[in-house]
């Protein structure tokens, strides 16, 4: 048995290394399972290969993995926590005091669930999608049962 987290992490990276990577979800993907996002330029500390930056699944219903992945690519921050994190990071990079992120991290209307994007942050909806399409790839592991 492997006892340390770094060794287990290295094994996961190695097991996923040869899986096909996708830039957009399509109907060739499994109905159920896990997905692993990679960001261009991010490398793991084990062997320098691409680093997994996000892991997800389809938590709400069976046979919904493709639809869950599609939610990450729609221009709707409330469809995906991943979108909110990416958009928040983009906003902070441009202006750490962006009013859409106030009063504190996780409390501004951009990062709160089910709040609408204001005219000032609305352009970030499309920017997040562009970033996902340009810099991110993902692979999937089929797991039949939710």
Protein backbone atom coordinates (compact mmCIF):
# COMPACT_ATOMS: atom_id res chain seq x y z
CA UNK A 1 0.00 0.00 0.00
CA UNK A 2 1.23 3.47 -0.87
CA UNK A 3 1.19 5.63 2.23
CA UNK A 4 2.07 9.14 1.19
CA UNK A 5 -0.15 11.55 -0.72
CA UNK A 6 2.57 12.53 -3.19
CA UNK A 7 3.04 8.92 -4.34
CA UNK A 8 -0.72 8.42 -4.73
CA UNK A 9 -0.94 11.68 -6.68
CA UNK A 10 1.89 10.58 -8.98
CA UNK A 11 0.06 7.31 -9.68
CA UNK A 12 -3.15 9.18 -10.59
CA UNK A 13 -1.25 11.46 -12.97
CA UNK A 14 0.47 8.44 -14.54
CA UNK A 15 -2.79 6.49 -14.95
CA UNK A 16 -4.47 9.42 -16.71
CA UNK A 17 -1.48 10.43 -18.84
CA UNK A 18 -2.46 8.40 -21.93
CA UNK A 19 -6.19 9.11 -21.78
CA UNK A 20 -7.47 11.22 -24.69
CA UNK A 21 -7.73 14.93 -23.85
CA UNK A 22 -10.68 16.99 -25.07
CA UNK A 23 -11.16 20.72 -25.54
CA UNK A 24 -14.98 20.57 -25.57
CA UNK A 25 -17.48 17.99 -24.35
CA UNK A 26 -19.10 15.80 -26.97
CA UNK A 27 -21.27 12.72 -27.11
CA UNK A 28 -18.30 10.33 -27.45
CA UNK A 29 -17.62 10.76 -23.72
CA UNK A 30 -18.96 8.31 -21.14
CA UNK A 31 -22.36 8.93 -19.58
CA UNK A 32 -21.00 8.57 -16.05
CA UNK A 33 -17.66 9.04 -14.37
CA UNK A 34 -15.08 11.58 -13.32
CA UNK A 35 -13.46 14.36 -15.32
CA UNK A 36 -10.00 15.84 -14.87
CA UNK A 37 -9.10 19.30 -16.16
CA UNK A 38 -5.57 20.31 -17.16
CA UNK A 39 -4.46 23.91 -17.73
CA UNK A 40 -1.84 24.71 -20.36
CA UNK A 41 1.47 25.57 -18.72
CA UNK A 42 0.71 23.83 -15.42
CA UNK A 43 2.98 20.87 -14.69
CA UNK A 44 3.00 18.41 -11.83
CA UNK A 45 5.96 18.05 -9.49
CA UNK A 46 6.28 14.31 -10.04
CA UNK A 47 7.53 14.11 -13.60
CA UNK A 48 6.82 17.50 -15.18
CA UNK A 49 3.83 16.25 -17.18
CA UNK A 50 0.57 18.22 -17.24
CA UNK A 51 -0.95 18.83 -13.81
CA UNK A 52 -4.56 18.11 -12.94
CA UNK A 53 -6.10 21.42 -11.84
CA UNK A 54 -9.70 20.34 -11.26
CA UNK A 55 -11.57 17.09 -10.69
CA UNK A 56 -15.32 16.79 -11.03
CA UNK A 57 -18.26 14.49 -11.57
CA UNK A 58 -21.98 14.62 -12.27
CA UNK A 59 -23.40 14.88 -8.76
CA UNK A 60 -27.07 15.48 -9.46
CA UNK A 61 -28.16 12.64 -11.73
CA UNK A 62 -27.14 9.41 -13.38
CA UNK A 63 -26.02 9.56 -17.06
CA UNK A 64 -25.27 13.28 -16.88
CA UNK A 65 -21.49 13.58 -17.25
CA UNK A 66 -21.56 15.19 -20.71
CA UNK A 67 -24.20 17.72 -19.66
CA UNK A 68 -22.22 18.53 -16.53
CA UNK A 69 -19.12 19.22 -18.62
CA UNK A 70 -21.16 21.39 -21.00
CA UNK A 71 -22.22 23.55 -18.05
CA UNK A 72 -18.59 24.63 -17.68
CA UNK A 73 -18.62 26.02 -21.25
CA UNK A 74 -21.93 27.92 -21.20
CA UNK A 75 -21.89 31.68 -20.66
CA UNK A 76 -23.45 31.35 -17.22
CA UNK A 77 -21.36 31.77 -14.09
CA UNK A 78 -24.03 30.07 -11.99
CA UNK A 79 -23.81 26.83 -13.98
CA UNK A 80 -20.40 25.96 -12.60
CA UNK A 81 -18.35 26.81 -9.53
CA UNK A 82 -15.32 26.29 -11.76
CA UNK A 83 -16.52 29.19 -13.96
CA UNK A 84 -16.91 31.42 -10.90
CA UNK A 85 -13.39 30.60 -9.71
CA UNK A 86 -11.90 31.26 -13.13
CA UNK A 87 -13.84 34.50 -13.58
CA UNK A 88 -12.94 35.67 -10.09
CA UNK A 89 -9.25 34.99 -10.79
CA UNK A 90 -9.45 36.92 -14.07
CA UNK A 91 -11.12 39.86 -12.33
CA UNK A 92 -8.58 39.89 -9.50
CA UNK A 93 -5.71 39.81 -11.99
CA UNK A 94 -7.05 42.97 -13.68
CA UNK A 95 -8.27 44.72 -10.53
CA UNK A 96 -7.99 43.21 -7.05
CA UNK A 97 -10.64 45.70 -5.89
CA UNK A 98 -13.17 44.90 -8.59
CA UNK A 99 -16.62 45.86 -7.24
CA UNK A 100 -18.09 42.59 -8.55
CA UNK A 101 -15.94 40.75 -5.97
CA UNK A 102 -16.74 42.96 -2.97
CA UNK A 103 -17.20 42.99 -0.03
CA UNK A 104 -14.82 39.99 0.35
CA UNK A 105 -13.69 36.80 -1.42
CA UNK A 106 -16.71 34.61 -2.08
CA UNK A 107 -19.12 37.38 -1.05
CA UNK A 108 -19.34 39.53 -4.18
CA UNK A 109 -22.12 38.98 -6.70
CA UNK A 110 -19.78 37.31 -9.23
CA UNK A 111 -18.85 34.52 -6.82
CA UNK A 112 -22.19 34.06 -5.06
CA UNK A 113 -24.43 31.33 -6.43
CA UNK A 114 -27.61 32.37 -8.25
CA UNK A 115 -26.77 36.07 -8.39
CA UNK A 116 -26.85 37.73 -11.80
CA UNK A 117 -23.85 39.15 -13.57
CA UNK A 118 -24.01 42.95 -13.65
CA UNK A 119 -23.12 44.93 -16.81
CA UNK A 120 -19.56 45.37 -15.49
CA UNK A 121 -18.90 41.66 -14.97
CA UNK A 122 -21.03 40.31 -17.82
CA UNK A 123 -18.08 40.38 -20.30
CA UNK A 124 -16.25 37.94 -18.01
CA UNK A 125 -18.84 35.28 -18.90
CA UNK A 126 -17.43 35.15 -22.44
CA UNK A 127 -13.84 35.56 -21.24
CA UNK A 128 -14.14 32.50 -19.01
CA UNK A 129 -15.44 30.48 -21.96
CA UNK A 130 -12.59 31.72 -24.16
CA UNK A 131 -10.09 30.79 -21.46
CA UNK A 132 -11.56 27.30 -21.10
CA UNK A 133 -11.45 26.72 -24.85
CA UNK A 134 -7.93 28.09 -25.28
CA UNK A 135 -6.04 26.92 -22.18
CA UNK A 136 -7.85 23.90 -20.75
CA UNK A 137 -8.25 20.26 -21.76
CA UNK A 138 -9.90 17.43 -19.89
CA UNK A 139 -10.08 13.67 -19.84
CA UNK A 140 -12.70 11.35 -18.43
CA UNK A 141 -12.74 8.07 -16.56
CA UNK A 142 -15.87 5.98 -17.00
CA UNK A 143 -17.55 4.89 -13.78
CA UNK A 144 -20.91 3.29 -14.49
CA UNK A 145 -22.68 3.92 -11.22
CA UNK A 146 -23.16 7.34 -9.74
